[in-house]
Amino acid sequence: MLAVADGVVSEVTQASSVTGIHCQNLTEWNSIALAVADGSTVEYVHIAPGSAKVREGQFVKAGEVLCLSGRVGFAPEPHLHLEIHATADLKGPSLRFEFVDDLHKIYTPEAGRFYSQKGVLCVPSAVVPPILPPIVSVDSAQLNNSLA
């Protein structure tokens, strides 16, 4: 996964390896938080155990590698759950944000949708069993790089 903006890494959690759809896993994720100059904080959730390429307090530039995508916590498969918070409070709601795909089309990610650098992906319903909760958001520009 790549940094979506310049900023300072404010938190790195990467020791957990639990995975799967079980209520005990709801708070057992790994993540990296990036404090951005405008006062917002970008949080990358479900990162692979031990995959952080950065440390707390480190300044990173947009596009710099932060970590690998994982399936840690309440997660059935590797994916990125990206949240952008107005402040450093990671418990607050995520702000709405937009992505720009390879064709410069702007779109807002929606729960339950899959994305790549090419934009929204058509995923057969058989891939996402109906018992799974929706994916809150996916960083389309970084997802393919993270899973490579």
N, C-alpha and C. Protein backbone atom coordinates (compact mmCIF):
# COMPACT_ATOMS: atom_id res chain seq x y z
N MET A 1 0.84 -1.16 0.00
CA MET A 1 0.00 0.00 0.00
C MET A 1 0.89 1.24 0.00
N LEU A 2 0.46 2.24 -0.68
CA LEU A 2 1.24 3.46 -0.82
C LEU A 2 0.57 4.61 -0.09
N ALA A 3 1.38 5.55 0.39
CA ALA A 3 0.86 6.73 1.06
C ALA A 3 0.04 7.55 0.06
N VAL A 4 -1.16 7.97 0.47
CA VAL A 4 -2.02 8.76 -0.41
C VAL A 4 -1.68 10.25 -0.35
N ALA A 5 -0.84 10.63 0.62
CA ALA A 5 -0.44 12.03 0.76
C ALA A 5 0.86 12.09 1.55
N ASP A 6 1.52 13.24 1.52
CA ASP A 6 2.67 13.46 2.40
C ASP A 6 2.16 13.51 3.83
N GLY A 7 2.96 13.02 4.77
CA GLY A 7 2.54 13.09 6.17
C GLY A 7 3.52 12.39 7.09
N VAL A 8 3.16 12.36 8.37
CA VAL A 8 3.98 11.72 9.39
C VAL A 8 3.23 10.50 9.91
N VAL A 9 3.91 9.37 9.96
CA VAL A 9 3.30 8.14 10.47
C VAL A 9 3.07 8.33 11.97
N SER A 10 1.81 8.28 12.38
CA SER A 10 1.48 8.52 13.78
C SER A 10 1.24 7.25 14.58
N GLU A 11 1.01 6.14 13.88
CA GLU A 11 0.77 4.87 14.58
C GLU A 11 1.04 3.70 13.64
N VAL A 12 1.68 2.65 14.18
CA VAL A 12 1.89 1.41 13.44
C VAL A 12 1.51 0.27 14.37
N THR A 13 0.56 -0.55 13.96
CA THR A 13 0.16 -1.75 14.70
C THR A 13 0.23 -2.90 13.72
N GLN A 14 1.10 -3.89 13.98
CA GLN A 14 1.28 -4.95 12.99
C GLN A 14 1.56 -6.33 13.60
N ALA A 15 1.23 -6.53 14.88
CA ALA A 15 1.55 -7.79 15.55
C ALA A 15 0.46 -8.86 15.43
N SER A 16 -0.76 -8.47 15.12
CA SER A 16 -1.86 -9.44 15.11
C SER A 16 -1.82 -10.30 13.85
N SER A 17 -2.25 -11.55 13.99
CA SER A 17 -2.34 -12.44 12.83
C SER A 17 -3.70 -13.14 12.77
N VAL A 18 -4.64 -12.77 13.65
CA VAL A 18 -5.96 -13.40 13.62
C VAL A 18 -6.72 -12.96 12.37
N THR A 19 -7.57 -13.83 11.88
CA THR A 19 -8.34 -13.52 10.69
C THR A 19 -9.64 -14.31 10.68
N GLY A 20 -10.58 -13.86 9.90
CA GLY A 20 -11.83 -14.58 9.74
C GLY A 20 -13.03 -13.82 10.25
N ILE A 21 -14.19 -14.29 9.85
CA ILE A 21 -15.45 -13.66 10.22
C ILE A 21 -15.91 -14.23 11.56
N HIS A 22 -15.45 -13.61 12.62
CA HIS A 22 -15.83 -14.01 13.98
C HIS A 22 -15.84 -12.76 14.84
N CYS A 23 -16.81 -12.65 15.73
CA CYS A 23 -16.94 -11.43 16.53
C CYS A 23 -15.70 -11.14 17.37
N GLN A 24 -14.94 -12.15 17.74
CA GLN A 24 -13.71 -11.92 18.51
C GLN A 24 -12.66 -11.16 17.70
N ASN A 25 -12.80 -11.15 16.39
CA ASN A 25 -11.82 -10.49 15.52
C ASN A 25 -12.16 -9.05 15.19
N LEU A 26 -13.28 -8.55 15.70
CA LEU A 26 -13.74 -7.21 15.33
C LEU A 26 -12.75 -6.10 15.69
N THR A 27 -11.96 -6.28 16.72
CA THR A 27 -11.01 -5.24 17.13
C THR A 27 -9.56 -5.71 17.06
N GLU A 28 -9.29 -6.73 16.28
CA GLU A 28 -7.95 -7.32 16.22
C GLU A 28 -7.23 -7.05 14.90
N TRP A 29 -7.36 -5.86 14.38
CA TRP A 29 -6.73 -5.57 13.10
C TRP A 29 -5.33 -4.97 13.29
N ASN A 30 -4.58 -4.94 12.21
CA ASN A 30 -3.31 -4.21 12.13
C ASN A 30 -3.57 -2.96 11.31
N SER A 31 -2.84 -1.90 11.61
CA SER A 31 -3.08 -0.67 10.85
C SER A 31 -1.89 0.27 10.89
N ILE A 32 -1.92 1.21 9.99
CA ILE A 32 -0.97 2.33 9.96
C ILE A 32 -1.80 3.60 9.87
N ALA A 33 -1.46 4.58 10.69
CA ALA A 33 -2.13 5.89 10.64
C ALA A 33 -1.12 6.93 10.16
N LEU A 34 -1.56 7.78 9.26
CA LEU A 34 -0.72 8.82 8.67
C LEU A 34 -1.34 10.18 8.92
N ALA A 35 -0.65 11.03 9.69
CA ALA A 35 -1.11 12.39 9.96
C ALA A 35 -0.71 13.28 8.79
N VAL A 36 -1.70 13.94 8.20
CA VAL A 36 -1.50 14.75 7.01
C VAL A 36 -1.48 16.23 7.40
N ALA A 37 -0.81 17.06 6.62
CA ALA A 37 -0.62 18.47 6.94
C ALA A 37 -1.92 19.24 7.15
N ASP A 38 -3.02 18.83 6.50
CA ASP A 38 -4.29 19.56 6.66
C ASP A 38 -4.99 19.23 7.98
N GLY A 39 -4.36 18.38 8.81
CA GLY A 39 -4.94 18.02 10.10
C GLY A 39 -5.70 16.71 10.09
N SER A 40 -5.92 16.15 8.92
CA SER A 40 -6.63 14.87 8.84
C SER A 40 -5.66 13.71 9.09
N THR A 41 -6.24 12.55 9.34
CA THR A 41 -5.46 11.33 9.54
C THR A 41 -6.00 10.26 8.63
N VAL A 42 -5.10 9.62 7.88
CA VAL A 42 -5.47 8.53 6.98
C VAL A 42 -5.11 7.23 7.68
N GLU A 43 -6.08 6.31 7.77
CA GLU A 43 -5.84 5.03 8.44
C GLU A 43 -5.97 3.89 7.43
N TYR A 44 -4.93 3.06 7.38
CA TYR A 44 -4.88 1.88 6.52
C TYR A 44 -5.10 0.67 7.42
N VAL A 45 -6.19 -0.07 7.24
CA VAL A 45 -6.56 -1.14 8.17
C VAL A 45 -6.51 -2.50 7.46
N HIS A 46 -6.18 -3.54 8.21
CA HIS A 46 -6.07 -4.94 7.79
C HIS A 46 -4.73 -5.23 7.15
N ILE A 47 -3.68 -4.51 7.51
CA ILE A 47 -2.37 -4.73 6.90
C ILE A 47 -1.80 -6.08 7.34
N ALA A 48 -0.95 -6.64 6.51
CA ALA A 48 -0.33 -7.94 6.79
C ALA A 48 0.59 -7.83 8.01
N PRO A 49 0.63 -8.88 8.84
CA PRO A 49 1.50 -8.87 10.02
C PRO A 49 2.96 -8.63 9.64
N GLY A 50 3.62 -7.74 10.37
CA GLY A 50 5.04 -7.49 10.16
C GLY A 50 5.41 -6.86 8.84
N SER A 51 4.43 -6.31 8.11
CA SER A 51 4.72 -5.80 6.76
C SER A 51 5.02 -4.31 6.70
N ALA A 52 4.95 -3.60 7.81
CA ALA A 52 5.17 -2.15 7.79
C ALA A 52 6.58 -1.83 7.31
N LYS A 53 6.68 -0.94 6.38
CA LYS A 53 7.98 -0.47 5.85
C LYS A 53 8.34 0.89 6.45
N VAL A 54 7.50 1.37 7.38
CA VAL A 54 7.69 2.68 8.01
C VAL A 54 7.61 2.52 9.52
N ARG A 55 8.00 3.56 10.25
CA ARG A 55 7.93 3.54 11.71
C ARG A 55 7.24 4.83 12.20
N GLU A 56 6.73 4.77 13.41
CA GLU A 56 6.08 5.94 13.99
C GLU A 56 7.06 7.11 14.01
N GLY A 57 6.55 8.30 13.66
CA GLY A 57 7.37 9.51 13.63
C GLY A 57 8.06 9.75 12.29
N GLN A 58 8.03 8.80 11.40
CA GLN A 58 8.70 8.93 10.10
C GLN A 58 7.87 9.78 9.15
N PHE A 59 8.51 10.70 8.44
CA PHE A 59 7.86 11.49 7.40
C PHE A 59 7.86 10.67 6.12
N VAL A 60 6.72 10.60 5.44
CA VAL A 60 6.64 9.89 4.17
C VAL A 60 6.05 10.81 3.11
N LYS A 61 6.43 10.56 1.87
CA LYS A 61 5.91 11.30 0.72
C LYS A 61 4.79 10.50 0.07
N ALA A 62 3.88 11.18 -0.57
CA ALA A 62 2.80 10.52 -1.31
C ALA A 62 3.42 9.52 -2.29
N GLY A 63 2.88 8.31 -2.32
CA GLY A 63 3.37 7.27 -3.22
C GLY A 63 4.41 6.36 -2.60
N GLU A 64 4.90 6.70 -1.41
CA GLU A 64 5.89 5.86 -0.74
C GLU A 64 5.22 4.60 -0.19
N VAL A 65 5.92 3.46 -0.27
CA VAL A 65 5.39 2.19 0.22
C VAL A 65 5.29 2.23 1.74
N LEU A 66 4.10 1.89 2.26
CA LEU A 66 3.86 1.84 3.71
C LEU A 66 3.87 0.41 4.23
N CYS A 67 3.20 -0.51 3.52
CA CYS A 67 2.99 -1.86 4.03
C CYS A 67 2.38 -2.72 2.93
N LEU A 68 2.03 -3.96 3.31
CA LEU A 68 1.33 -4.87 2.41
C LEU A 68 -0.11 -5.06 2.88
N SER A 69 -0.99 -5.31 1.94
CA SER A 69 -2.37 -5.60 2.28
C SER A 69 -2.44 -6.95 2.97
N GLY A 70 -3.40 -7.08 3.89
CA GLY A 70 -3.55 -8.33 4.60
C GLY A 70 -5.00 -8.67 4.83
N ARG A 71 -5.21 -9.69 5.64
CA ARG A 71 -6.57 -10.10 6.00
C ARG A 71 -6.66 -10.30 7.51
N VAL A 72 -6.09 -9.37 8.24
CA VAL A 72 -6.03 -9.45 9.70
C VAL A 72 -7.27 -8.80 10.31
N GLY A 73 -7.80 -9.46 11.32
CA GLY A 73 -9.00 -8.97 11.99
C GLY A 73 -10.24 -9.58 11.37
N PHE A 74 -11.33 -8.85 11.38
CA PHE A 74 -12.61 -9.30 10.84
C PHE A 74 -12.53 -9.18 9.33
N ALA A 75 -11.81 -10.10 8.70
CA ALA A 75 -11.54 -10.00 7.28
C ALA A 75 -11.38 -11.40 6.67
N PRO A 76 -12.19 -11.74 5.67
CA PRO A 76 -12.10 -13.06 5.06
C PRO A 76 -11.03 -13.17 3.97
N GLU A 77 -10.59 -12.04 3.45
CA GLU A 77 -9.63 -12.04 2.35
C GLU A 77 -8.80 -10.76 2.42
N PRO A 78 -7.61 -10.76 1.79
CA PRO A 78 -6.78 -9.54 1.81
C PRO A 78 -7.52 -8.38 1.15
N HIS A 79 -7.52 -7.25 1.82
CA HIS A 79 -8.11 -6.04 1.26
C HIS A 79 -7.66 -4.85 2.10
N LEU A 80 -7.91 -3.69 1.60
CA LEU A 80 -7.59 -2.46 2.32
C LEU A 80 -8.88 -1.80 2.77
N HIS A 81 -8.94 -1.46 4.02
CA HIS A 81 -10.03 -0.66 4.58
C HIS A 81 -9.38 0.69 4.84
N LEU A 82 -9.73 1.68 4.06
CA LEU A 82 -9.12 3.00 4.16
C LEU A 82 -10.11 3.96 4.78
N GLU A 83 -9.66 4.66 5.81
CA GLU A 83 -10.49 5.69 6.43
C GLU A 83 -9.70 6.99 6.49
N ILE A 84 -10.41 8.09 6.31
CA ILE A 84 -9.80 9.41 6.46
C ILE A 84 -10.60 10.14 7.52
N HIS A 85 -9.91 10.51 8.60
CA HIS A 85 -10.55 11.18 9.74
C HIS A 85 -10.19 12.66 9.74
N ALA A 86 -11.10 13.49 10.18
CA ALA A 86 -10.88 14.94 10.20
C ALA A 86 -9.78 15.34 11.17
N THR A 87 -9.55 14.52 12.19
CA THR A 87 -8.54 14.81 13.22
C THR A 87 -7.72 13.56 13.48
N ALA A 88 -6.91 13.58 14.53
CA ALA A 88 -6.12 12.41 14.91
C ALA A 88 -6.96 11.36 15.62
N ASP A 89 -8.23 11.67 15.92
CA ASP A 89 -9.12 10.72 16.60
C ASP A 89 -9.56 9.64 15.62
N LEU A 90 -8.98 8.44 15.75
CA LEU A 90 -9.27 7.36 14.81
C LEU A 90 -10.60 6.68 15.09
N LYS A 91 -11.27 7.08 16.16
CA LYS A 91 -12.57 6.49 16.48
C LYS A 91 -13.71 7.26 15.83
N GLY A 92 -13.42 8.43 15.33
CA GLY A 92 -14.44 9.24 14.69
C GLY A 92 -14.83 8.67 13.34
N PRO A 93 -15.89 9.18 12.76
CA PRO A 93 -16.33 8.67 11.45
C PRO A 93 -15.34 9.04 10.35
N SER A 94 -15.33 8.25 9.31
CA SER A 94 -14.49 8.52 8.15
C SER A 94 -15.13 9.62 7.31
N LEU A 95 -14.30 10.48 6.78
CA LEU A 95 -14.78 11.51 5.85
C LEU A 95 -15.00 10.87 4.48
N ARG A 96 -15.91 11.45 3.72
CA ARG A 96 -16.08 10.99 2.33
C ARG A 96 -14.84 11.42 1.55
N PHE A 97 -14.43 10.58 0.64
CA PHE A 97 -13.27 10.91 -0.19
C PHE A 97 -13.49 10.34 -1.58
N GLU A 98 -12.64 10.76 -2.50
CA GLU A 98 -12.77 10.34 -3.88
C GLU A 98 -11.46 9.76 -4.38
N PHE A 99 -11.57 8.92 -5.41
CA PHE A 99 -10.42 8.38 -6.11
C PHE A 99 -10.46 8.85 -7.55
N VAL A 100 -9.31 8.85 -8.17
CA VAL A 100 -9.20 9.13 -9.60
C VAL A 100 -8.59 7.89 -10.23
N ASP A 101 -9.29 7.30 -11.22
CA ASP A 101 -8.77 6.08 -11.84
C ASP A 101 -7.77 6.43 -12.94
N ASP A 102 -7.26 5.40 -13.61
CA ASP A 102 -6.26 5.58 -14.66
C ASP A 102 -6.75 6.45 -15.82
N LEU A 103 -8.07 6.51 -16.01
CA LEU A 103 -8.64 7.32 -17.09
C LEU A 103 -9.06 8.70 -16.59
N HIS A 104 -8.65 9.06 -15.37
CA HIS A 104 -8.93 10.34 -14.74
C HIS A 104 -10.40 10.53 -14.39
N LYS A 105 -11.15 9.43 -14.28
CA LYS A 105 -12.54 9.49 -13.84
C LYS A 105 -12.54 9.55 -12.31
N ILE A 106 -13.34 10.45 -11.76
CA ILE A 106 -13.43 10.62 -10.32
C ILE A 106 -14.64 9.84 -9.80
N TYR A 107 -14.44 9.09 -8.73
CA TYR A 107 -15.55 8.37 -8.13
C TYR A 107 -15.36 8.27 -6.62
N THR A 108 -16.47 8.11 -5.91
CA THR A 108 -16.49 7.95 -4.46
C THR A 108 -16.70 6.48 -4.15
N PRO A 109 -15.80 5.87 -3.35
CA PRO A 109 -16.00 4.45 -3.02
C PRO A 109 -17.26 4.24 -2.20
N GLU A 110 -17.90 3.10 -2.43
CA GLU A 110 -19.13 2.74 -1.73
C GLU A 110 -18.96 1.40 -1.04
N ALA A 111 -19.63 1.22 0.08
CA ALA A 111 -19.58 -0.04 0.82
C ALA A 111 -20.02 -1.19 -0.07
N GLY A 112 -19.28 -2.29 0.03
CA GLY A 112 -19.63 -3.50 -0.70
C GLY A 112 -19.14 -3.55 -2.13
N ARG A 113 -18.43 -2.53 -2.59
CA ARG A 113 -17.92 -2.50 -3.97
C ARG A 113 -16.42 -2.81 -3.96
N PHE A 114 -15.92 -3.28 -5.09
CA PHE A 114 -14.50 -3.58 -5.25
C PHE A 114 -13.92 -2.61 -6.27
N TYR A 115 -12.66 -2.22 -6.06
CA TYR A 115 -12.03 -1.22 -6.91
C TYR A 115 -10.62 -1.64 -7.29
N SER A 116 -10.15 -1.11 -8.40
CA SER A 116 -8.76 -1.27 -8.82
C SER A 116 -8.32 0.08 -9.39
N GLN A 117 -7.15 0.11 -9.97
CA GLN A 117 -6.68 1.35 -10.58
C GLN A 117 -7.54 1.74 -11.78
N LYS A 118 -8.30 0.80 -12.29
CA LYS A 118 -9.17 1.07 -13.43
C LYS A 118 -10.56 1.50 -12.99
N GLY A 119 -10.80 1.60 -11.69
CA GLY A 119 -12.09 2.03 -11.18
C GLY A 119 -12.87 0.89 -10.56
N VAL A 120 -14.20 0.95 -10.70
CA VAL A 120 -15.08 -0.05 -10.11
C VAL A 120 -14.93 -1.38 -10.85
N LEU A 121 -14.80 -2.46 -10.09
CA LEU A 121 -14.71 -3.80 -10.68
C LEU A 121 -16.07 -4.48 -10.64
N CYS A 122 -16.36 -5.25 -11.64
CA CYS A 122 -17.55 -6.10 -11.62
C CYS A 122 -17.13 -7.42 -11.01
N VAL A 123 -17.68 -7.75 -9.86
CA VAL A 123 -17.32 -8.97 -9.16
C VAL A 123 -18.56 -9.86 -9.10
N PRO A 124 -18.45 -11.12 -9.56
CA PRO A 124 -19.61 -12.01 -9.48
C PRO A 124 -20.08 -12.17 -8.04
N SER A 125 -21.37 -12.28 -7.83
CA SER A 125 -21.91 -12.40 -6.48
C SER A 125 -21.39 -13.62 -5.77
N ALA A 126 -20.97 -14.65 -6.51
CA ALA A 126 -20.43 -15.86 -5.88
C ALA A 126 -19.12 -15.58 -5.15
N VAL A 127 -18.41 -14.53 -5.53
CA VAL A 127 -17.14 -14.20 -4.89
C VAL A 127 -17.37 -13.63 -3.50
N VAL A 128 -18.45 -12.92 -3.29
CA VAL A 128 -18.75 -12.30 -2.01
C VAL A 128 -19.99 -12.98 -1.43
N PRO A 129 -19.80 -13.94 -0.52
CA PRO A 129 -20.96 -14.61 0.07
C PRO A 129 -21.87 -13.60 0.76
N PRO A 130 -23.17 -13.80 0.73
CA PRO A 130 -24.11 -12.83 1.30
C PRO A 130 -23.98 -12.67 2.81
N ILE A 131 -23.30 -13.58 3.52
CA ILE A 131 -23.16 -13.45 4.97
C ILE A 131 -22.07 -12.48 5.37
N LEU A 132 -21.25 -12.06 4.42
CA LEU A 132 -20.14 -11.17 4.74
C LEU A 132 -20.62 -9.72 4.84
N PRO A 133 -20.03 -8.95 5.78
CA PRO A 133 -20.35 -7.52 5.82
C PRO A 133 -19.72 -6.83 4.62
N PRO A 134 -20.22 -5.68 4.21
CA PRO A 134 -19.63 -4.99 3.07
C PRO A 134 -18.25 -4.45 3.40
N ILE A 135 -17.41 -4.37 2.38
CA ILE A 135 -16.11 -3.71 2.53
C ILE A 135 -16.39 -2.23 2.56
N VAL A 136 -15.90 -1.54 3.59
CA VAL A 136 -16.24 -0.14 3.76
C VAL A 136 -15.62 0.71 2.67
N SER A 137 -14.34 0.52 2.41
CA SER A 137 -13.72 1.28 1.34
C SER A 137 -12.42 0.62 0.93
N VAL A 138 -12.06 0.81 -0.32
CA VAL A 138 -10.86 0.21 -0.86
C VAL A 138 -10.09 1.28 -1.61
N ASP A 139 -8.81 1.35 -1.36
CA ASP A 139 -7.96 2.32 -2.04
C ASP A 139 -7.64 1.79 -3.43
N SER A 140 -8.36 2.25 -4.42
CA SER A 140 -8.24 1.72 -5.76
C SER A 140 -6.83 1.91 -6.34
N ALA A 141 -6.20 3.01 -6.05
CA ALA A 141 -4.90 3.28 -6.64
C ALA A 141 -3.82 2.38 -6.06
N GLN A 142 -4.02 1.88 -4.84
CA GLN A 142 -2.97 1.11 -4.19
C GLN A 142 -3.28 -0.38 -4.10
N LEU A 143 -4.51 -0.80 -4.29
CA LEU A 143 -4.89 -2.19 -4.08
C LEU A 143 -4.08 -3.14 -4.93
N ASN A 144 -3.96 -2.87 -6.22
CA ASN A 144 -3.21 -3.78 -7.07
C ASN A 144 -1.73 -3.84 -6.69
N ASN A 145 -1.16 -2.71 -6.31
CA ASN A 145 0.24 -2.69 -5.89
C ASN A 145 0.43 -3.49 -4.62
N SER A 146 -0.52 -3.43 -3.70
CA SER A 146 -0.41 -4.09 -2.42
C SER A 146 -0.49 -5.59 -2.54
N LEU A 147 -1.28 -6.06 -3.46
CA LEU A 147 -1.49 -7.50 -3.60
C LEU A 147 -0.46 -8.14 -4.53
N ALA A 148 0.36 -7.33 -5.16
CA ALA A 148 1.35 -7.86 -6.11
C ALA A 148 2.48 -8.54 -5.37
